[in-house]
Each structure stands twice: as structure tokens, then as C-alpha cells.
Protein backbone atom coordinates (compact mmCIF):
# COMPACT_ATOMS: atom_id res chain seq x y z
CA MET A 1 -44.88 -93.41 29.12
CA GLU A 2 -42.95 -93.70 32.37
CA PHE A 3 -44.36 -92.33 35.61
CA GLU A 4 -41.62 -89.69 35.99
CA GLU A 5 -42.39 -88.31 32.54
CA ILE A 6 -46.12 -88.34 33.28
CA TYR A 7 -45.49 -86.46 36.53
CA ARG A 8 -43.23 -83.85 34.90
CA THR A 9 -45.72 -83.31 32.09
CA PHE A 10 -48.94 -83.13 34.06
CA SER A 11 -48.17 -82.02 37.64
CA PRO A 12 -48.14 -78.26 36.91
CA LYS A 13 -51.46 -78.56 35.07
CA ILE A 14 -53.00 -80.65 37.84
CA PHE A 15 -51.77 -78.18 40.46
CA ARG A 16 -53.46 -75.32 38.58
CA LEU A 17 -56.62 -77.40 38.28
CA CYS A 18 -56.59 -78.03 42.05
CA MET A 19 -55.97 -74.31 42.69
CA GLY A 20 -59.05 -73.62 40.60
CA TYR A 21 -61.06 -75.81 42.97
CA VAL A 22 -59.72 -74.75 46.34
CA ASN A 23 -57.75 -71.52 45.84
CA ASP A 24 -55.36 -72.57 48.61
CA LYS A 25 -51.76 -73.34 47.67
CA ASP A 26 -51.06 -75.92 50.39
CA TRP A 27 -54.35 -77.73 49.88
CA ALA A 28 -53.81 -77.74 46.10
CA LYS A 29 -50.34 -79.25 46.60
CA ASP A 30 -51.84 -81.99 48.77
CA LEU A 31 -54.54 -82.71 46.20
CA THR A 32 -51.94 -82.82 43.42
CA GLN A 33 -49.86 -85.26 45.44
CA GLU A 34 -52.88 -87.43 46.16
CA THR A 35 -53.74 -87.43 42.44
CA PHE A 36 -50.31 -88.71 41.46
CA ILE A 37 -50.34 -91.33 44.20
CA GLN A 38 -53.52 -92.68 42.62
CA VAL A 39 -52.04 -92.40 39.13
CA TRP A 40 -49.01 -94.38 40.32
CA GLN A 41 -51.18 -97.03 41.97
CA LYS A 42 -53.53 -97.41 39.02
CA LEU A 43 -51.20 -96.84 36.08
CA ASP A 44 -51.25 -100.54 35.21
CA THR A 45 -55.05 -100.39 34.90
CA PHE A 46 -55.01 -97.53 32.38
CA ARG A 47 -56.67 -98.95 29.25
CA ASN A 48 -55.77 -96.28 26.65
CA GLU A 49 -59.46 -95.69 25.91
CA ALA A 50 -58.81 -91.96 26.34
CA ALA A 51 -55.69 -89.83 26.38
CA ILE A 52 -53.64 -90.30 29.52
CA GLY A 53 -54.06 -86.59 30.31
CA THR A 54 -57.84 -86.96 30.23
CA TRP A 55 -57.58 -89.90 32.60
CA ILE A 56 -55.33 -87.94 35.00
CA PHE A 57 -57.56 -84.85 34.91
CA ARG A 58 -60.56 -87.06 35.69
CA ILE A 59 -58.75 -88.57 38.69
CA ALA A 60 -57.75 -85.10 39.91
CA SER A 61 -61.23 -83.65 39.55
CA ASN A 62 -62.77 -86.60 41.40
CA ILE A 63 -60.23 -86.24 44.22
CA CYS A 64 -60.87 -82.50 44.47
CA LEU A 65 -64.62 -82.93 44.58
CA ARG A 66 -64.42 -85.69 47.23
CA GLN A 67 -62.04 -83.70 49.41
CA ILE A 68 -64.17 -80.57 49.18
CA GLU A 69 -67.28 -82.54 50.12
CA ARG A 70 -65.52 -84.14 53.10
CA SER A 71 -63.86 -81.02 54.33
CA SER A 72 -65.39 -78.42 56.54
CA LYS A 73 -63.15 -76.00 54.64
CA MET A 74 -65.82 -75.91 51.95
CA THR A 75 -67.92 -73.56 54.00
CA ASN A 76 -64.88 -71.60 55.12
CA ILE A 77 -63.04 -71.08 51.84
CA VAL A 78 -61.91 -67.50 51.67
CA ILE A 79 -60.53 -65.98 48.54
CA SER A 80 -56.87 -65.72 49.38
CA SER A 81 -54.08 -63.72 47.91
CA GLU A 82 -51.96 -66.85 47.56
CA VAL A 83 -52.37 -66.96 43.81
CA GLU A 84 -49.18 -68.26 42.26
CA LYS A 85 -46.82 -65.43 41.46
CA PHE A 86 -44.97 -65.47 38.21
CA PRO A 87 -41.35 -66.63 38.51
CA PHE A 88 -39.93 -63.48 36.98
CA GLN A 89 -39.40 -59.93 38.08
CA ILE A 90 -41.90 -57.41 36.85
CA GLU A 91 -39.92 -54.88 34.84
CA ASP A 92 -42.56 -52.37 33.86
CA LYS A 93 -46.00 -51.12 34.80
CA LYS A 94 -47.66 -52.92 31.88
CA GLU A 95 -46.47 -56.33 33.11
CA GLU A 96 -47.37 -55.43 36.71
CA HIS A 97 -50.91 -54.52 35.58
CA LEU A 98 -51.19 -57.83 33.68
CA THR A 99 -50.13 -59.78 36.78
CA GLU A 100 -52.74 -57.95 38.86
CA GLN A 101 -55.39 -58.80 36.26
CA ILE A 102 -54.44 -62.48 36.36
CA GLU A 103 -54.68 -62.48 40.17
CA VAL A 104 -58.14 -60.91 39.94
CA LEU A 105 -59.15 -63.52 37.37
CA TYR A 106 -58.11 -66.36 39.72
CA LYS A 107 -60.05 -64.73 42.54
CA CYS A 108 -63.10 -64.56 40.29
CA ILE A 109 -62.66 -68.21 39.27
CA ALA A 110 -62.56 -69.17 42.95
CA THR A 111 -66.09 -67.79 43.36
CA LEU A 112 -67.54 -70.18 40.76
CA GLU A 113 -69.29 -73.45 41.60
CA GLU A 114 -67.09 -76.57 41.57
CA THR A 115 -68.16 -77.82 38.14
CA GLU A 116 -67.71 -74.38 36.62
CA ARG A 117 -64.22 -74.11 38.17
CA LEU A 118 -63.31 -77.48 36.70
CA ILE A 119 -64.55 -76.54 33.25
CA ILE A 120 -62.84 -73.15 33.10
CA SER A 121 -59.61 -74.61 34.54
CA LEU A 122 -59.56 -77.19 31.77
CA VAL A 123 -60.32 -74.50 29.16
CA LEU A 124 -57.39 -72.46 30.51
CA GLU A 125 -55.18 -75.55 30.11
CA ASP A 126 -56.14 -75.53 26.39
CA LEU A 127 -57.76 -78.95 26.51
CA PRO A 128 -60.00 -79.67 23.52
CA GLN A 129 -63.71 -79.47 24.26
CA LYS A 130 -64.08 -83.15 23.43
CA GLU A 131 -61.64 -84.04 26.21
CA ILE A 132 -63.30 -81.63 28.65
CA ALA A 133 -66.65 -83.24 27.85
CA GLY A 134 -65.13 -86.66 28.58
CA ILE A 135 -63.67 -85.51 31.89
CA THR A 136 -66.82 -83.77 33.08
CA GLY A 137 -69.37 -86.17 31.63
CA ILE A 138 -71.18 -83.30 29.90
CA SER A 139 -72.16 -83.45 26.22
CA GLU A 140 -70.08 -81.25 23.91
CA GLY A 141 -73.11 -79.12 22.99
CA ASN A 142 -74.00 -78.52 26.63
CA LEU A 143 -70.33 -77.87 27.40
CA ARG A 144 -70.13 -75.09 24.79
CA VAL A 145 -73.14 -73.39 26.39
CA LYS A 146 -71.64 -73.76 29.88
CA ILE A 147 -68.28 -72.34 28.74
CA HIS A 148 -70.04 -69.35 27.20
CA ARG A 149 -72.03 -68.72 30.40
CA ILE A 150 -68.94 -69.15 32.60
CA LYS A 151 -67.04 -66.62 30.50
CA GLN A 152 -69.94 -64.17 30.79
CA THR A 153 -70.05 -64.63 34.57
CA LEU A 154 -66.29 -64.18 34.88
CA THR A 155 -66.40 -61.06 32.71
CA GLU A 156 -69.12 -59.54 34.90
CA ARG A 157 -67.31 -60.42 38.14
CA PHE A 158 -63.99 -59.20 36.77
CA ASN A 159 -65.54 -55.89 35.72
CA ASP A 160 -67.29 -55.53 39.11
CA TYR A 161 -63.99 -56.19 40.87
CA ALA A 162 -62.21 -53.62 38.67
CA LYS A 163 -64.77 -50.97 39.67
CA LEU A 164 -63.84 -51.36 43.35
């Protein structure tokens, strides 16, 4: 697979993963760019022991975690309203309500711990649990429990937000 094809295929997913970590559009773009710089530099070392997407997600999650640790932004992250807007016009109230719900969901995700944000971001990208386990280094059994708990937490936070 050529680098351009890899970039086209995975960059939107990696951007959303980074948004799940930092909830800041500009920072997520920088982290996505840094991820693909590393992918480019290390592509010749990829050993096909896992799917290339798993490898790229692992690189991105490591970069996000390192940057968050190094940055003083970690203590100053504020849930922003910069959640990606959909690239279409909202025609009716039902679609507008759905968009608002998605924005609330992203705000709720931003309140999770880093590992939980990574896991739920990968779940939202429809990655198989086996791949998520490989990326996170968590056993599949433990991962299923974590996913269940994360969904419960998000449901509670979403419902609390809706009551406001």
C-alpha cells in the first residue's frame, strides 16, 4: 500500500481519534500530522504482524499520550464547542437535534480519562475488539468490561447533560 493511499484511508479516522484525546481541532490536526510523519518515516519497518490500521492507530495513540503528558494544556483542557460540524446543511429539526446530540456525545467523551477516550474512539471507528485489544494492550475480556463501563458512564453523563 502506498503512503498516499494510507493517508487518504486513515487520516480522517486518526483525526477523530486525536479529537477524542484532546477535543481541540488545531491540536488534533497537529497530532494527526505528527502521526503520519512517523508513519512515513517508519513505513519500511512495518512487519505486517498486525493490520496496518492497527499499527497506525497505535502510533497515533502513543503520540497523543506523549503530547498530553508533555503539555501543560492537560490541566487546562476545556470542553470546547469546536466539535467537527457535519459538511451538510441541516434541513429539518430532526437532523438538527441529532447533530446537537452528537456534539454533546463528543463533549462527554472529552471528559473521560485518556485510555477510556482511546477505547471509545476506536469503538466508534468500528474496529474489531481484537484490534482494539492489540492497540491498547488490554486483554479482550478486560476490554469488553471496560467498553461496557465506558458506555454506562457516557450514558449517565449524556443524560445529566440533557437535563441541564
